[in-house]
Amino acid sequence: MGESKRRKETLGDKYGQETRIVSWIPLTNSQAEQFVKLTTRGAWGGIILLILGWVTIRFIGPALGWWEVN
């Protein structure tokens, strides 16, 4: 008997299902990885927006006469 057949008999209904991070939270490992990727992308987006806002207020705004910088 092959290893996969033995594993299938041992696990029964749970065979082929993803494992959860913690048994009482319905969150699988792949969902956790997707969450990390999404939040990392969001953080970088926020950093880029912050830099663009700073450049606009510091350099572009005064050049167009929007804000006075002393």
N, C-alpha and C. Protein backbone atom coordinates (compact mmCIF):
# COMPACT_ATOMS: atom_id res chain seq x y z
N MET A 1 0.84 -1.17 0.00
CA MET A 1 0.00 0.00 0.00
C MET A 1 0.89 1.24 0.00
N GLY A 2 0.54 2.21 -0.84
CA GLY A 2 1.33 3.42 -0.93
C GLY A 2 1.07 4.36 0.23
N GLU A 3 1.97 5.31 0.37
CA GLU A 3 1.88 6.27 1.47
C GLU A 3 0.60 7.10 1.38
N SER A 4 0.22 7.55 0.19
CA SER A 4 -0.98 8.37 0.06
C SER A 4 -2.24 7.59 0.42
N LYS A 5 -2.31 6.33 0.06
CA LYS A 5 -3.47 5.51 0.43
C LYS A 5 -3.53 5.31 1.93
N ARG A 6 -2.39 5.10 2.55
CA ARG A 6 -2.33 4.93 4.00
C ARG A 6 -2.78 6.22 4.70
N ARG A 7 -2.30 7.35 4.18
CA ARG A 7 -2.67 8.64 4.76
C ARG A 7 -4.17 8.89 4.59
N LYS A 8 -4.72 8.51 3.43
CA LYS A 8 -6.14 8.70 3.17
C LYS A 8 -6.98 7.86 4.14
N GLU A 9 -6.56 6.65 4.41
CA GLU A 9 -7.28 5.80 5.35
C GLU A 9 -7.18 6.35 6.77
N THR A 10 -6.03 6.91 7.12
CA THR A 10 -5.83 7.44 8.47
C THR A 10 -6.66 8.71 8.69
N LEU A 11 -6.64 9.62 7.70
CA LEU A 11 -7.32 10.90 7.86
C LEU A 11 -8.83 10.81 7.62
N GLY A 12 -9.26 9.92 6.79
CA GLY A 12 -10.69 9.76 6.52
C GLY A 12 -11.26 10.95 5.78
N ASP A 13 -12.27 11.63 6.36
CA ASP A 13 -12.94 12.76 5.71
C ASP A 13 -12.05 13.98 5.58
N LYS A 14 -11.05 14.12 6.41
CA LYS A 14 -10.18 15.29 6.40
C LYS A 14 -9.10 15.21 5.32
N TYR A 15 -9.02 14.12 4.59
CA TYR A 15 -8.00 13.94 3.57
C TYR A 15 -8.20 14.96 2.45
N GLY A 16 -7.18 15.67 2.08
CA GLY A 16 -7.23 16.65 0.99
C GLY A 16 -7.66 18.03 1.43
N GLN A 17 -8.07 18.20 2.67
CA GLN A 17 -8.46 19.51 3.16
C GLN A 17 -7.25 20.22 3.74
N GLU A 18 -7.28 21.54 3.66
CA GLU A 18 -6.17 22.32 4.19
C GLU A 18 -6.22 22.32 5.71
N THR A 19 -5.05 22.41 6.30
CA THR A 19 -4.98 22.46 7.76
C THR A 19 -5.25 23.88 8.25
N ARG A 20 -5.84 23.97 9.41
CA ARG A 20 -6.11 25.27 10.01
C ARG A 20 -4.91 25.71 10.84
N ILE A 21 -4.78 27.01 11.03
CA ILE A 21 -3.70 27.54 11.85
C ILE A 21 -3.94 27.15 13.31
N VAL A 22 -5.14 27.43 13.79
CA VAL A 22 -5.57 27.04 15.13
C VAL A 22 -6.91 26.34 14.95
N SER A 23 -7.14 25.29 15.69
CA SER A 23 -8.33 24.48 15.47
C SER A 23 -9.63 25.25 15.68
N TRP A 24 -9.65 26.23 16.55
CA TRP A 24 -10.89 26.95 16.85
C TRP A 24 -11.09 28.20 16.00
N ILE A 25 -10.17 28.51 15.08
CA ILE A 25 -10.33 29.63 14.15
C ILE A 25 -10.45 29.06 12.74
N PRO A 26 -11.52 29.39 12.02
CA PRO A 26 -11.69 28.83 10.67
C PRO A 26 -10.82 29.56 9.64
N LEU A 27 -9.51 29.50 9.82
CA LEU A 27 -8.56 30.18 8.94
C LEU A 27 -7.47 29.18 8.55
N THR A 28 -7.32 28.98 7.24
CA THR A 28 -6.31 28.03 6.77
C THR A 28 -4.98 28.74 6.51
N ASN A 29 -3.95 27.96 6.28
CA ASN A 29 -2.62 28.53 6.04
C ASN A 29 -2.60 29.38 4.77
N SER A 30 -3.26 28.94 3.71
CA SER A 30 -3.25 29.72 2.46
C SER A 30 -4.02 31.02 2.63
N GLN A 31 -5.09 31.03 3.42
CA GLN A 31 -5.82 32.27 3.67
C GLN A 31 -4.96 33.24 4.47
N ALA A 32 -4.18 32.73 5.40
CA ALA A 32 -3.28 33.59 6.17
C ALA A 32 -2.21 34.20 5.26
N GLU A 33 -1.69 33.42 4.34
CA GLU A 33 -0.69 33.94 3.39
C GLU A 33 -1.30 35.02 2.51
N GLN A 34 -2.54 34.82 2.05
CA GLN A 34 -3.21 35.82 1.23
C GLN A 34 -3.43 37.11 2.02
N PHE A 35 -3.77 36.99 3.30
CA PHE A 35 -3.96 38.15 4.15
C PHE A 35 -2.66 38.94 4.29
N VAL A 36 -1.56 38.24 4.48
CA VAL A 36 -0.27 38.91 4.62
C VAL A 36 0.09 39.63 3.32
N LYS A 37 -0.13 38.99 2.18
CA LYS A 37 0.15 39.63 0.89
C LYS A 37 -0.70 40.88 0.69
N LEU A 38 -1.98 40.79 1.03
CA LEU A 38 -2.89 41.92 0.86
C LEU A 38 -2.51 43.09 1.76
N THR A 39 -2.22 42.82 3.03
CA THR A 39 -1.85 43.90 3.94
C THR A 39 -0.50 44.51 3.58
N THR A 40 0.43 43.70 3.08
CA THR A 40 1.72 44.23 2.65
C THR A 40 1.54 45.17 1.47
N ARG A 41 0.70 44.75 0.52
CA ARG A 41 0.42 45.60 -0.65
C ARG A 41 -0.26 46.89 -0.21
N GLY A 42 -1.18 46.81 0.74
CA GLY A 42 -1.86 48.00 1.25
C GLY A 42 -0.90 48.94 1.97
N ALA A 43 0.02 48.38 2.72
CA ALA A 43 1.00 49.21 3.42
C ALA A 43 1.88 49.96 2.44
N TRP A 44 2.34 49.27 1.39
CA TRP A 44 3.17 49.95 0.39
C TRP A 44 2.36 51.03 -0.34
N GLY A 45 1.09 50.76 -0.60
CA GLY A 45 0.24 51.77 -1.22
C GLY A 45 0.12 53.00 -0.34
N GLY A 46 -0.03 52.80 0.97
CA GLY A 46 -0.10 53.92 1.90
C GLY A 46 1.19 54.71 1.95
N ILE A 47 2.31 54.03 1.91
CA ILE A 47 3.61 54.71 1.90
C ILE A 47 3.76 55.56 0.65
N ILE A 48 3.37 55.02 -0.49
CA ILE A 48 3.46 55.78 -1.75
C ILE A 48 2.55 57.00 -1.73
N LEU A 49 1.32 56.84 -1.21
CA LEU A 49 0.41 57.98 -1.11
C LEU A 49 0.95 59.05 -0.16
N LEU A 50 1.57 58.63 0.93
CA LEU A 50 2.17 59.57 1.87
C LEU A 50 3.29 60.37 1.20
N ILE A 51 4.15 59.69 0.44
CA ILE A 51 5.25 60.38 -0.25
C ILE A 51 4.71 61.34 -1.30
N LEU A 52 3.71 60.90 -2.07
CA LEU A 52 3.12 61.79 -3.08
C LEU A 52 2.47 63.01 -2.44
N GLY A 53 1.79 62.82 -1.33
CA GLY A 53 1.19 63.96 -0.63
C GLY A 53 2.25 64.91 -0.11
N TRP A 54 3.31 64.36 0.45
CA TRP A 54 4.39 65.21 0.96
C TRP A 54 5.04 66.02 -0.16
N VAL A 55 5.31 65.37 -1.28
CA VAL A 55 5.92 66.07 -2.42
C VAL A 55 4.99 67.17 -2.91
N THR A 56 3.70 66.88 -2.98
CA THR A 56 2.74 67.88 -3.44
C THR A 56 2.70 69.08 -2.50
N ILE A 57 2.62 68.84 -1.22
CA ILE A 57 2.53 69.95 -0.26
C ILE A 57 3.84 70.71 -0.16
N ARG A 58 4.96 70.00 -0.20
CA ARG A 58 6.26 70.64 0.01
C ARG A 58 6.78 71.37 -1.22
N PHE A 59 6.61 70.81 -2.41
CA PHE A 59 7.23 71.39 -3.60
C PHE A 59 6.23 71.92 -4.62
N ILE A 60 5.26 71.12 -4.99
CA ILE A 60 4.35 71.51 -6.06
C ILE A 60 3.39 72.60 -5.60
N GLY A 61 2.84 72.47 -4.38
CA GLY A 61 1.90 73.47 -3.86
C GLY A 61 2.48 74.86 -3.81
N PRO A 62 3.64 75.07 -3.20
CA PRO A 62 4.22 76.41 -3.16
C PRO A 62 4.57 76.95 -4.55
N ALA A 63 4.97 76.08 -5.46
CA ALA A 63 5.31 76.52 -6.81
C ALA A 63 4.06 77.06 -7.53
N LEU A 64 2.92 76.50 -7.21
CA LEU A 64 1.66 76.95 -7.82
C LEU A 64 0.97 78.02 -6.99
N GLY A 65 1.54 78.37 -5.86
CA GLY A 65 0.97 79.40 -5.01
C GLY A 65 -0.14 78.89 -4.11
N TRP A 66 -0.22 77.58 -3.87
CA TRP A 66 -1.28 77.04 -3.02
C TRP A 66 -0.98 77.26 -1.55
N TRP A 67 0.27 77.05 -1.15
CA TRP A 67 0.66 77.18 0.25
C TRP A 67 1.93 78.01 0.34
N GLU A 68 2.03 78.76 1.41
CA GLU A 68 3.25 79.50 1.67
C GLU A 68 4.15 78.70 2.59
N VAL A 69 5.40 78.51 2.19
CA VAL A 69 6.37 77.84 3.03
C VAL A 69 7.45 78.86 3.36
N ASN A 70 7.67 79.12 4.64
CA ASN A 70 8.67 80.12 5.04
C ASN A 70 9.99 79.48 5.26
